Amino acid sequence: MRIKKGDSVLVIAGDDRGKTGKVLKVFPDKNRAIVEGVNFIKRHSRQTRRAQKGGIIEKEAPVNVSNLLVFCSKCSSPTKVSFKVLQGETGEKPSKVRICRKCGEII
């Protein structure tokens, strides 16, 4: 999956098109992610015995990953992500990193 927790992303399709936010949680098996401030839904909740109040609660719902683009901080634009294998020093394992396709910077 090309999107990870903590990435800043741009929504490119749906009701919240054009909004940016930070990825809070990723569900790779369902191909979805929860983005901060995007795709709000309303849920009715019953009051519990202790501190929680009842009422209508607004929270973020998962968005399909195909509707998101990673936002590169260096070139300050949304971009596709590619991967590159960097060779380590002698004796170290090579590491796979994500790279911005526009500016070539490591994300």
PDB file of N, CA and C in Angstrom:
ATOM      1  N   MET A   1       0.845  -1.176   0.000  1.00  0.00           N
ATOM      2  CA  MET A   1       0.000   0.000   0.000  1.00  0.00           C
ATOM      3  C   MET A   1       0.892   1.241   0.000  1.00  0.00           C
ATOM      4  N   ARG A   2       0.522   2.225  -0.766  1.00  0.00           N
ATOM      5  CA  ARG A   2       1.364   3.406  -0.939  1.00  0.00           C
ATOM      6  C   ARG A   2       1.087   4.512   0.076  1.00  0.00           C
ATOM      7  N   ILE A   3       0.029   4.370   0.846  1.00  0.00           N
ATOM      8  CA  ILE A   3      -0.322   5.380   1.850  1.00  0.00           C
ATOM      9  C   ILE A   3      -0.131   4.777   3.238  1.00  0.00           C
ATOM     10  N   LYS A   4       0.490   5.553   4.129  1.00  0.00           N
ATOM     11  CA  LYS A   4       0.760   5.076   5.481  1.00  0.00           C
ATOM     12  C   LYS A   4       0.210   6.063   6.504  1.00  0.00           C
ATOM     13  N   LYS A   5       0.105   5.606   7.738  1.00  0.00           N
ATOM     14  CA  LYS A   5      -0.358   6.446   8.838  1.00  0.00           C
ATOM     15  C   LYS A   5       0.588   7.631   9.005  1.00  0.00           C
ATOM     16  N   GLY A   6       0.034   8.824   9.156  1.00  0.00           N
ATOM     17  CA  GLY A   6       0.850  10.019   9.337  1.00  0.00           C
ATOM     18  C   GLY A   6       1.097  10.806   8.064  1.00  0.00           C
ATOM     19  N   ASP A   7       0.800  10.236   6.902  1.00  0.00           N
ATOM     20  CA  ASP A   7       0.972  10.951   5.632  1.00  0.00           C
ATOM     21  C   ASP A   7      -0.066  12.058   5.519  1.00  0.00           C
ATOM     22  N   SER A   8       0.300  13.157   4.866  1.00  0.00           N
ATOM     23  CA  SER A   8      -0.720  14.145   4.529  1.00  0.00           C
ATOM     24  C   SER A   8      -1.165  13.842   3.105  1.00  0.00           C
ATOM     25  N   VAL A   9      -2.490  13.811   2.912  1.00  0.00           N
ATOM     26  CA  VAL A   9      -3.058  13.378   1.640  1.00  0.00           C
ATOM     27  C   VAL A   9      -4.078  14.387   1.134  1.00  0.00           C
ATOM     28  N   LEU A  10      -4.351  14.317  -0.164  1.00  0.00           N
ATOM     29  CA  LEU A  10      -5.363  15.138  -0.818  1.00  0.00           C
ATOM     30  C   LEU A  10      -6.448  14.204  -1.330  1.00  0.00           C
ATOM     31  N   VAL A  11      -7.721  14.573  -1.089  1.00  0.00           N
ATOM     32  CA  VAL A  11      -8.842  13.776  -1.586  1.00  0.00           C
ATOM     33  C   VAL A  11      -9.123  14.217  -3.014  1.00  0.00           C
ATOM     34  N   ILE A  12      -9.123  13.269  -3.964  1.00  0.00           N
ATOM     35  CA  ILE A  12      -9.283  13.609  -5.375  1.00  0.00           C
ATOM     36  C   ILE A  12     -10.648  13.230  -5.938  1.00  0.00           C
ATOM     37  N   ALA A  13     -11.480  12.551  -5.142  1.00  0.00           N
ATOM     38  CA  ALA A  13     -12.803  12.162  -5.630  1.00  0.00           C
ATOM     39  C   ALA A  13     -13.775  12.082  -4.463  1.00  0.00           C
ATOM     40  N   GLY A  14     -15.046  12.282  -4.762  1.00  0.00           N
ATOM     41  CA  GLY A  14     -16.078  12.177  -3.739  1.00  0.00           C
ATOM     42  C   GLY A  14     -16.566  13.534  -3.274  1.00  0.00           C
ATOM     43  N   ASP A  15     -17.386  13.518  -2.232  1.00  0.00           N
ATOM     44  CA  ASP A  15     -17.982  14.751  -1.708  1.00  0.00           C
ATOM     45  C   ASP A  15     -16.942  15.706  -1.133  1.00  0.00           C
ATOM     46  N   ASP A  16     -15.850  15.180  -0.596  1.00  0.00           N
ATOM     47  CA  ASP A  16     -14.826  16.003   0.040  1.00  0.00           C
ATOM     48  C   ASP A  16     -13.640  16.274  -0.870  1.00  0.00           C
ATOM     49  N   ARG A  17     -13.865  16.265  -2.190  1.00  0.00           N
ATOM     50  CA  ARG A  17     -12.790  16.495  -3.162  1.00  0.00           C
ATOM     51  C   ARG A  17     -12.109  17.841  -2.904  1.00  0.00           C
ATOM     52  N   GLY A  18     -10.778  17.835  -2.921  1.00  0.00           N
ATOM     53  CA  GLY A  18     -10.006  19.058  -2.724  1.00  0.00           C
ATOM     54  C   GLY A  18      -9.536  19.272  -1.297  1.00  0.00           C
ATOM     55  N   LYS A  19     -10.067  18.529  -0.341  1.00  0.00           N
ATOM     56  CA  LYS A  19      -9.660  18.680   1.058  1.00  0.00           C
ATOM     57  C   LYS A  19      -8.370  17.909   1.309  1.00  0.00           C
ATOM     58  N   THR A  20      -7.563  18.444   2.221  1.00  0.00           N
ATOM     59  CA  THR A  20      -6.344  17.752   2.627  1.00  0.00           C
ATOM     60  C   THR A  20      -6.461  17.391   4.099  1.00  0.00           C
ATOM     61  N   GLY A  21      -5.750  16.370   4.494  1.00  0.00           N
ATOM     62  CA  GLY A  21      -5.770  15.948   5.886  1.00  0.00           C
ATOM     63  C   GLY A  21      -4.684  14.926   6.146  1.00  0.00           C
ATOM     64  N   LYS A  22      -4.549  14.582   7.415  1.00  0.00           N
ATOM     65  CA  LYS A  22      -3.540  13.630   7.846  1.00  0.00           C
ATOM     66  C   LYS A  22      -4.200  12.266   8.015  1.00  0.00           C
ATOM     67  N   VAL A  23      -3.512  11.214   7.597  1.00  0.00           N
ATOM     68  CA  VAL A  23      -4.042   9.856   7.716  1.00  0.00           C
ATOM     69  C   VAL A  23      -3.937   9.420   9.181  1.00  0.00           C
ATOM     70  N   LEU A  24      -5.083   9.059   9.766  1.00  0.00           N
ATOM     71  CA  LEU A  24      -5.120   8.637  11.162  1.00  0.00           C
ATOM     72  C   LEU A  24      -4.974   7.126  11.320  1.00  0.00           C
ATOM     73  N   LYS A  25      -5.577   6.382  10.399  1.00  0.00           N
ATOM     74  CA  LYS A  25      -5.547   4.922  10.490  1.00  0.00           C
ATOM     75  C   LYS A  25      -5.684   4.339   9.096  1.00  0.00           C
ATOM     76  N   VAL A  26      -5.024   3.207   8.857  1.00  0.00           N
ATOM     77  CA  VAL A  26      -5.066   2.560   7.551  1.00  0.00           C
ATOM     78  C   VAL A  26      -5.559   1.133   7.727  1.00  0.00           C
ATOM     79  N   PHE A  27      -6.438   0.698   6.817  1.00  0.00           N
ATOM     80  CA  PHE A  27      -6.948  -0.674   6.802  1.00  0.00           C
ATOM     81  C   PHE A  27      -6.519  -1.323   5.483  1.00  0.00           C
ATOM     82  N   PRO A  28      -5.318  -1.932   5.421  1.00  0.00           N
ATOM     83  CA  PRO A  28      -4.808  -2.471   4.160  1.00  0.00           C
ATOM     84  C   PRO A  28      -5.660  -3.605   3.594  1.00  0.00           C
ATOM     85  N   ASP A  29      -6.267  -4.410   4.460  1.00  0.00           N
ATOM     86  CA  ASP A  29      -7.064  -5.528   3.965  1.00  0.00           C
ATOM     87  C   ASP A  29      -8.347  -5.057   3.273  1.00  0.00           C
ATOM     88  N   LYS A  30      -8.877  -3.901   3.695  1.00  0.00           N
ATOM     89  CA  LYS A  30     -10.083  -3.341   3.080  1.00  0.00           C
ATOM     90  C   LYS A  30      -9.761  -2.259   2.054  1.00  0.00           C
ATOM     91  N   ASN A  31      -8.477  -1.899   1.929  1.00  0.00           N
ATOM     92  CA  ASN A  31      -8.024  -0.869   0.990  1.00  0.00           C
ATOM     93  C   ASN A  31      -8.635   0.494   1.310  1.00  0.00           C
ATOM     94  N   ARG A  32      -8.694   0.833   2.603  1.00  0.00           N
ATOM     95  CA  ARG A  32      -9.309   2.081   3.055  1.00  0.00           C
ATOM     96  C   ARG A  32      -8.428   2.762   4.096  1.00  0.00           C
ATOM     97  N   ALA A  33      -8.675   4.070   4.302  1.00  0.00           N
ATOM     98  CA  ALA A  33      -7.938   4.838   5.293  1.00  0.00           C
ATOM     99  C   ALA A  33      -8.859   5.879   5.907  1.00  0.00           C
ATOM    100  N   ILE A  34      -8.625   6.215   7.179  1.00  0.00           N
ATOM    101  CA  ILE A  34      -9.368   7.286   7.844  1.00  0.00           C
ATOM    102  C   ILE A  34      -8.498   8.533   7.784  1.00  0.00           C
ATOM    103  N   VAL A  35      -9.069   9.623   7.245  1.00  0.00           N
ATOM    104  CA  VAL A  35      -8.341  10.881   7.080  1.00  0.00           C
ATOM    105  C   VAL A  35      -8.971  11.926   7.993  1.00  0.00           C
ATOM    106  N   GLU A  36      -8.121  12.690   8.673  1.00  0.00           N
ATOM    107  CA  GLU A  36      -8.572  13.701   9.622  1.00  0.00           C
ATOM    108  C   GLU A  36      -9.358  14.808   8.913  1.00  0.00           C
ATOM    109  N   GLY A  37     -10.588  15.051   9.356  1.00  0.00           N
ATOM    110  CA  GLY A  37     -11.409  16.132   8.823  1.00  0.00           C
ATOM    111  C   GLY A  37     -12.101  15.835   7.506  1.00  0.00           C
ATOM    112  N   VAL A  38     -12.152  14.575   7.098  1.00  0.00           N
ATOM    113  CA  VAL A  38     -12.729  14.202   5.801  1.00  0.00           C
ATOM    114  C   VAL A  38     -13.758  13.090   6.004  1.00  0.00           C
ATOM    115  N   ASN A  39     -14.844  13.130   5.234  1.00  0.00           N
ATOM    116  CA  ASN A  39     -15.870  12.076   5.206  1.00  0.00           C
ATOM    117  C   ASN A  39     -16.527  11.859   6.570  1.00  0.00           C
ATOM    118  N   PHE A  40     -17.130  12.925   7.106  1.00  0.00           N
ATOM    119  CA  PHE A  40     -17.817  12.832   8.389  1.00  0.00           C
ATOM    120  C   PHE A  40     -19.144  12.111   8.242  1.00  0.00           C
ATOM    121  N   ILE A  41     -19.450  11.268   9.229  1.00  0.00           N
ATOM    122  CA  ILE A  41     -20.750  10.611   9.310  1.00  0.00           C
ATOM    123  C   ILE A  41     -21.337  10.891  10.682  1.00  0.00           C
ATOM    124  N   LYS A  42     -22.651  10.756  10.799  1.00  0.00           N
ATOM    125  CA  LYS A  42     -23.319  10.968  12.081  1.00  0.00           C
ATOM    126  C   LYS A  42     -23.796   9.636  12.618  1.00  0.00           C
ATOM    127  N   ARG A  43     -23.512   9.392  13.877  1.00  0.00           N
ATOM    128  CA  ARG A  43     -23.931   8.170  14.546  1.00  0.00           C
ATOM    129  C   ARG A  43     -24.731   8.531  15.794  1.00  0.00           C
ATOM    130  N   HIS A  44     -25.841   7.844  16.008  1.00  0.00           N
ATOM    131  CA  HIS A  44     -26.649   8.045  17.208  1.00  0.00           C
ATOM    132  C   HIS A  44     -26.133   7.095  18.270  1.00  0.00           C
ATOM    133  N   SER A  45     -25.840   7.629  19.459  1.00  0.00           N
ATOM    134  CA  SER A  45     -25.332   6.776  20.524  1.00  0.00           C
ATOM    135  C   SER A  45     -26.180   6.937  21.774  1.00  0.00           C
ATOM    136  N   ARG A  46     -26.331   5.843  22.464  1.00  0.00           N
ATOM    137  CA  ARG A  46     -27.096   5.838  23.706  1.00  0.00           C
ATOM    138  C   ARG A  46     -26.161   6.214  24.844  1.00  0.00           C
ATOM    139  N   GLN A  47     -26.705   6.873  25.853  1.00  0.00           N
ATOM    140  CA  GLN A  47     -25.902   7.262  27.005  1.00  0.00           C
ATOM    141  C   GLN A  47     -25.533   6.016  27.804  1.00  0.00           C
ATOM    142  N   THR A  48     -24.272   5.946  28.230  1.00  0.00           N
ATOM    143  CA  THR A  48     -23.839   4.849  29.085  1.00  0.00           C
ATOM    144  C   THR A  48     -23.943   5.284  30.537  1.00  0.00           C
ATOM    145  N   ARG A  49     -23.736   4.367  31.454  1.00  0.00           N
ATOM    146  CA  ARG A  49     -23.895   4.688  32.873  1.00  0.00           C
ATOM    147  C   ARG A  49     -22.900   5.735  33.353  1.00  0.00           C
ATOM    148  N   ARG A  50     -21.699   5.643  32.828  1.00  0.00           N
ATOM    149  CA  ARG A  50     -20.668   6.550  33.315  1.00  0.00           C
ATOM    150  C   ARG A  50     -20.633   7.841  32.496  1.00  0.00           C
ATOM    151  N   ALA A  51     -19.470   8.370  32.248  1.00  0.00           N
ATOM    152  CA  ALA A  51     -19.264   9.726  31.734  1.00  0.00           C
ATOM    153  C   ALA A  51     -19.810  10.005  30.335  1.00  0.00           C
ATOM    154  N   GLN A  52     -19.941   9.006  29.476  1.00  0.00           N
ATOM    155  CA  GLN A  52     -20.280   9.272  28.079  1.00  0.00           C
ATOM    156  C   GLN A  52     -21.712   9.785  27.935  1.00  0.00           C
ATOM    157  N   LYS A  53     -21.856  10.860  27.161  1.00  0.00           N
ATOM    158  CA  LYS A  53     -23.170  11.427  26.904  1.00  0.00           C
ATOM    159  C   LYS A  53     -23.797  10.753  25.698  1.00  0.00           C
ATOM    160  N   GLY A  54     -25.107  10.759  25.663  1.00  0.00           N
ATOM    161  CA  GLY A  54     -25.805  10.239  24.506  1.00  0.00           C
ATOM    162  C   GLY A  54     -26.048  11.355  23.506  1.00  0.00           C
ATOM    163  N   GLY A  55     -26.474  11.017  22.313  1.00  0.00           N
ATOM    164  CA  GLY A  55     -26.773  12.021  21.308  1.00  0.00           C
ATOM    165  C   GLY A  55     -26.200  11.649  19.958  1.00  0.00           C
ATOM    166  N   ILE A  56     -26.102  12.657  19.103  1.00  0.00           N
ATOM    167  CA  ILE A  56     -25.589  12.455  17.753  1.00  0.00           C
ATOM    168  C   ILE A  56     -24.104  12.815  17.746  1.00  0.00           C
ATOM    169  N   ILE A  57     -23.290  11.856  17.344  1.00  0.00           N
ATOM    170  CA  ILE A  57     -21.832  12.047  17.324  1.00  0.00           C
ATOM    171  C   ILE A  57     -21.367  12.066  15.873  1.00  0.00           C
ATOM    172  N   GLU A  58     -20.523  13.056  15.528  1.00  0.00           N
ATOM    173  CA  GLU A  58     -19.932  13.108  14.194  1.00  0.00           C
ATOM    174  C   GLU A  58     -18.517  12.562  14.270  1.00  0.00           C
ATOM    175  N   LYS A  59     -18.173  11.658  13.355  1.00  0.00           N
ATOM    176  CA  LYS A  59     -16.822  11.103  13.314  1.00  0.00           C
ATOM    177  C   LYS A  59     -16.431  10.807  11.882  1.00  0.00           C
ATOM    178  N   GLU A  60     -15.125  10.609  11.678  1.00  0.00           N
ATOM    179  CA  GLU A  60     -14.623  10.327  10.337  1.00  0.00           C
ATOM    180  C   GLU A  60     -14.871   8.871   9.973  1.00  0.00           C
ATOM    181  N   ALA A  61     -15.247   8.650   8.728  1.00  0.00           N
ATOM    182  CA  ALA A  61     -15.437   7.299   8.208  1.00  0.00           C
ATOM    183  C   ALA A  61     -14.290   6.994   7.243  1.00  0.00           C
ATOM    184  N   PRO A  62     -14.019   5.713   7.006  1.00  0.00           N
ATOM    185  CA  PRO A  62     -12.936   5.363   6.086  1.00  0.00           C
ATOM    186  C   PRO A  62     -13.213   5.794   4.646  1.00  0.00           C
ATOM    187  N   VAL A  63     -12.140   6.152   3.933  1.00  0.00           N
ATOM    188  CA  VAL A  63     -12.198   6.562   2.533  1.00  0.00           C
ATOM    189  C   VAL A  63     -11.391   5.547   1.734  1.00  0.00           C
ATOM    190  N   ASN A  64     -11.823   5.242   0.531  1.00  0.00           N
ATOM    191  CA  ASN A  64     -11.077   4.313  -0.310  1.00  0.00           C
ATOM    192  C   ASN A  64      -9.736   4.944  -0.695  1.00  0.00           C
ATOM    193  N   VAL A  65      -8.680   4.153  -0.664  1.00  0.00           N
ATOM    194  CA  VAL A  65      -7.323   4.644  -0.933  1.00  0.00           C
ATOM    195  C   VAL A  65      -7.190   5.149  -2.365  1.00  0.00           C
ATOM    196  N   SER A  66      -7.998   4.636  -3.285  1.00  0.00           N
ATOM    197  CA  SER A  66      -7.913   5.082  -4.676  1.00  0.00           C
ATOM    198  C   SER A  66      -8.361   6.533  -4.830  1.00  0.00           C
ATOM    199  N   ASN A  67      -9.044   7.080  -3.827  1.00  0.00           N
ATOM    200  CA  ASN A  67      -9.499   8.469  -3.869  1.00  0.00           C
ATOM    201  C   ASN A  67      -8.525   9.424  -3.190  1.00  0.00           C
ATOM    202  N   LEU A  68      -7.341   8.954  -2.834  1.00  0.00           N
ATOM    203  CA  LEU A  68      -6.361   9.772  -2.117  1.00  0.00           C
ATOM    204  C   LEU A  68      -5.044   9.855  -2.885  1.00  0.00           C
ATOM    205  N   LEU A  69      -4.389  11.010  -2.791  1.00  0.00           N
ATOM    206  CA  LEU A  69      -3.045  11.209  -3.337  1.00  0.00           C
ATOM    207  C   LEU A  69      -2.153  11.745  -2.224  1.00  0.00           C
ATOM    208  N   VAL A  70      -0.946  11.235  -2.131  1.00  0.00           N
ATOM    209  CA  VAL A  70       0.002  11.714  -1.128  1.00  0.00           C
ATOM    210  C   VAL A  70       0.406  13.142  -1.471  1.00  0.00           C
ATOM    211  N   PHE A  71       0.480  14.015  -0.455  1.00  0.00           N
ATOM    212  CA  PHE A  71       0.841  15.415  -0.630  1.00  0.00           C
ATOM    213  C   PHE A  71       2.308  15.570  -0.254  1.00  0.00           C
ATOM    214  N   CYS A  72       3.156  15.892  -1.247  1.00  0.00           N
ATOM    215  CA  CYS A  72       4.600  16.050  -1.025  1.00  0.00           C
ATOM    216  C   CYS A  72       4.867  17.402  -0.367  1.00  0.00           C
ATOM    217  N   SER A  73       5.613  17.402   0.720  1.00  0.00           N
ATOM    218  CA  SER A  73       5.889  18.649   1.431  1.00  0.00           C
ATOM    219  C   SER A  73       6.964  19.482   0.734  1.00  0.00           C
ATOM    220  N   LYS A  74       7.888  18.843   0.021  1.00  0.00           N
ATOM    221  CA  LYS A  74       8.968  19.578  -0.633  1.00  0.00           C
ATOM    222  C   LYS A  74       8.468  20.365  -1.846  1.00  0.00           C
ATOM    223  N   CYS A  75       7.739  19.687  -2.753  1.00  0.00           N
ATOM    224  CA  CYS A  75       7.250  20.402  -3.938  1.00  0.00           C
ATOM    225  C   CYS A  75       5.841  20.956  -3.713  1.00  0.00           C
ATOM    226  N   SER A  76       5.297  20.773  -2.517  1.00  0.00           N
ATOM    227  CA  SER A  76       3.978  21.263  -2.085  1.00  0.00           C
ATOM    228  C   SER A  76       2.881  21.039  -3.131  1.00  0.00           C
ATOM    229  N   SER A  77       2.804  19.800  -3.597  1.00  0.00           N
ATOM    230  CA  SER A  77       1.747  19.426  -4.532  1.00  0.00           C
ATOM    231  C   SER A  77       1.429  17.947  -4.355  1.00  0.00           C
ATOM    232  N   PRO A  78       0.213  17.542  -4.728  1.00  0.00           N
ATOM    233  CA  PRO A  78      -0.116  16.116  -4.647  1.00  0.00           C
ATOM    234  C   PRO A  78       0.648  15.348  -5.710  1.00  0.00           C
ATOM    235  N   THR A  79       1.068  14.150  -5.365  1.00  0.00           N
ATOM    236  CA  THR A  79       1.895  13.384  -6.288  1.00  0.00           C
ATOM    237  C   THR A  79       1.646  11.894  -6.134  1.00  0.00           C
ATOM    238  N   LYS A  80       1.985  11.144  -7.175  1.00  0.00           N
ATOM    239  CA  LYS A  80       1.967   9.697  -7.080  1.00  0.00           C
ATOM    240  C   LYS A  80       3.244   9.263  -6.381  1.00  0.00           C
ATOM    241  N   VAL A  81       3.215   8.061  -5.846  1.00  0.00           N
ATOM    242  CA  VAL A  81       4.358   7.548  -5.106  1.00  0.00           C
ATOM    243  C   VAL A  81       4.990   6.405  -5.876  1.00  0.00           C
ATOM    244  N   SER A  82       6.308   6.414  -5.947  1.00  0.00           N
ATOM    245  CA  SER A  82       7.024   5.273  -6.513  1.00  0.00           C
ATOM    246  C   SER A  82       7.992   4.765  -5.448  1.00  0.00           C
ATOM    247  N   PHE A  83       8.516   3.586  -5.668  1.00  0.00           N
ATOM    248  CA  PHE A  83       9.421   2.978  -4.708  1.00  0.00           C
ATOM    249  C   PHE A  83      10.814   2.860  -5.304  1.00  0.00           C
ATOM    250  N   LYS A  84      11.813   2.913  -4.415  1.00  0.00           N
ATOM    251  CA  LYS A  84      13.197   2.768  -4.836  1.00  0.00           C
ATOM    252  C   LYS A  84      13.927   1.975  -3.759  1.00  0.00           C
ATOM    253  N   VAL A  85      14.796   1.092  -4.169  1.00  0.00           N
ATOM    254  CA  VAL A  85      15.574   0.303  -3.220  1.00  0.00           C
ATOM    255  C   VAL A  85      16.933   0.973  -3.055  1.00  0.00           C
ATOM    256  N   LEU A  86      17.243   1.358  -1.819  1.00  0.00           N
ATOM    257  CA  LEU A  86      18.527   1.979  -1.506  1.00  0.00           C
ATOM    258  C   LEU A  86      19.457   0.932  -0.928  1.00  0.00           C
ATOM    259  N   GLN A  87      20.648   0.838  -1.482  1.00  0.00           N
ATOM    260  CA  GLN A  87      21.634  -0.116  -0.977  1.00  0.00           C
ATOM    261  C   GLN A  87      22.257   0.447   0.287  1.00  0.00           C
ATOM    262  N   GLY A  88      22.328  -0.379   1.322  1.00  0.00           N
ATOM    263  CA  GLY A  88      22.940   0.037   2.580  1.00  0.00           C
ATOM    264  C   GLY A  88      24.444  -0.096   2.520  1.00  0.00           C
ATOM    265  N   GLU A  89      25.094   0.234   3.622  1.00  0.00           N
ATOM    266  CA  GLU A  89      26.538   0.058   3.721  1.00  0.00           C
ATOM    267  C   GLU A  89      26.844  -1.438   3.725  1.00  0.00           C
ATOM    268  N   THR A  90      28.090  -1.794   3.770  1.00  0.00           N
ATOM    269  CA  THR A  90      28.452  -3.207   3.719  1.00  0.00           C
ATOM    270  C   THR A  90      27.857  -3.947   4.907  1.00  0.00           C
ATOM    271  N   GLY A  91      27.186  -5.039   4.623  1.00  0.00           N
ATOM    272  CA  GLY A  91      26.599  -5.855   5.684  1.00  0.00           C
ATOM    273  C   GLY A  91      25.172  -5.477   6.049  1.00  0.00           C
ATOM    274  N   GLU A  92      24.686  -4.341   5.586  1.00  0.00           N
ATOM    275  CA  GLU A  92      23.317  -3.921   5.900  1.00  0.00           C
ATOM    276  C   GLU A  92      22.367  -4.372   4.804  1.00  0.00           C
ATOM    277  N   LYS A  93      21.120  -4.543   5.184  1.00  0.00           N
ATOM    278  CA  LYS A  93      20.100  -4.914   4.208  1.00  0.00           C
ATOM    279  C   LYS A  93      19.722  -3.691   3.368  1.00  0.00           C
ATOM    280  N   PRO A  94      19.382  -3.895   2.106  1.00  0.00           N
ATOM    281  CA  PRO A  94      18.875  -2.770   1.315  1.00  0.00           C
ATOM    282  C   PRO A  94      17.491  -2.363   1.830  1.00  0.00           C
ATOM    283  N   SER A  95      17.173  -1.081   1.750  1.00  0.00           N
ATOM    284  CA  SER A  95      15.891  -0.603   2.257  1.00  0.00           C
ATOM    285  C   SER A  95      15.041  -0.062   1.113  1.00  0.00           C
ATOM    286  N   LYS A  96      13.754  -0.301   1.209  1.00  0.00           N
ATOM    287  CA  LYS A  96      12.802   0.152   0.204  1.00  0.00           C
ATOM    288  C   LYS A  96      12.159   1.435   0.708  1.00  0.00           C
ATOM    289  N   VAL A  97      12.264   2.530  -0.059  1.00  0.00           N
ATOM    290  CA  VAL A  97      11.724   3.829   0.360  1.00  0.00           C
ATOM    291  C   VAL A  97      10.717   4.333  -0.672  1.00  0.00           C
ATOM    292  N   ARG A  98       9.811   5.201  -0.204  1.00  0.00           N
ATOM    293  CA  ARG A  98       8.838   5.821  -1.107  1.00  0.00           C
ATOM    294  C   ARG A  98       9.385   7.142  -1.610  1.00  0.00           C
ATOM    295  N   ILE A  99       9.159   7.427  -2.889  1.00  0.00           N
ATOM    296  CA  ILE A  99       9.728   8.619  -3.521  1.00  0.00           C
ATOM    297  C   ILE A  99       8.634   9.378  -4.252  1.00  0.00           C
ATOM    298  N   CYS A 100       8.709  10.721  -4.189  1.00  0.00           N
ATOM    299  CA  CYS A 100       7.809  11.598  -4.942  1.00  0.00           C
ATOM    300  C   CYS A 100       8.191  11.520  -6.414  1.00  0.00           C
ATOM    301  N   ARG A 101       7.217  11.283  -7.278  1.00  0.00           N
ATOM    302  CA  ARG A 101       7.513  11.165  -8.702  1.00  0.00           C
ATOM    303  C   ARG A 101       7.812  12.500  -9.354  1.00  0.00           C
ATOM    304  N   LYS A 102       7.368  13.612  -8.750  1.00  0.00           N
ATOM    305  CA  LYS A 102       7.608  14.931  -9.354  1.00  0.00           C
ATOM    306  C   LYS A 102       8.991  15.461  -9.035  1.00  0.00           C
ATOM    307  N   CYS A 103       9.373  15.439  -7.743  1.00  0.00           N
ATOM    308  CA  CYS A 103      10.657  16.051  -7.375  1.00  0.00           C
ATOM    309  C   CYS A 103      11.727  15.040  -7.008  1.00  0.00           C
ATOM    310  N   GLY A 104      11.365  13.771  -6.834  1.00  0.00           N
ATOM    311  CA  GLY A 104      12.349  12.744  -6.516  1.00  0.00           C
ATOM    312  C   GLY A 104      12.769  12.688  -5.067  1.00  0.00           C
ATOM    313  N   GLU A 105      12.114  13.434  -4.211  1.00  0.00           N
ATOM    314  CA  GLU A 105      12.445  13.473  -2.777  1.00  0.00           C
ATOM    315  C   GLU A 105      11.859  12.266  -2.053  1.00  0.00           C
ATOM    316  N   ILE A 106      12.545  11.789  -1.025  1.00  0.00           N
ATOM    317  CA  ILE A 106      12.035  10.671  -0.214  1.00  0.00           C
ATOM    318  C   ILE A 106      10.898  11.173   0.674  1.00  0.00           C
ATOM    319  N   ILE A 107       9.798  10.436   0.650  1.00  0.00           N
ATOM    320  CA  ILE A 107       8.624  10.832   1.449  1.00  0.00           C
ATOM    321  C   ILE A 107       8.732  10.199   2.826  1.00  0.00           C
TER     322      ILE A 107
END
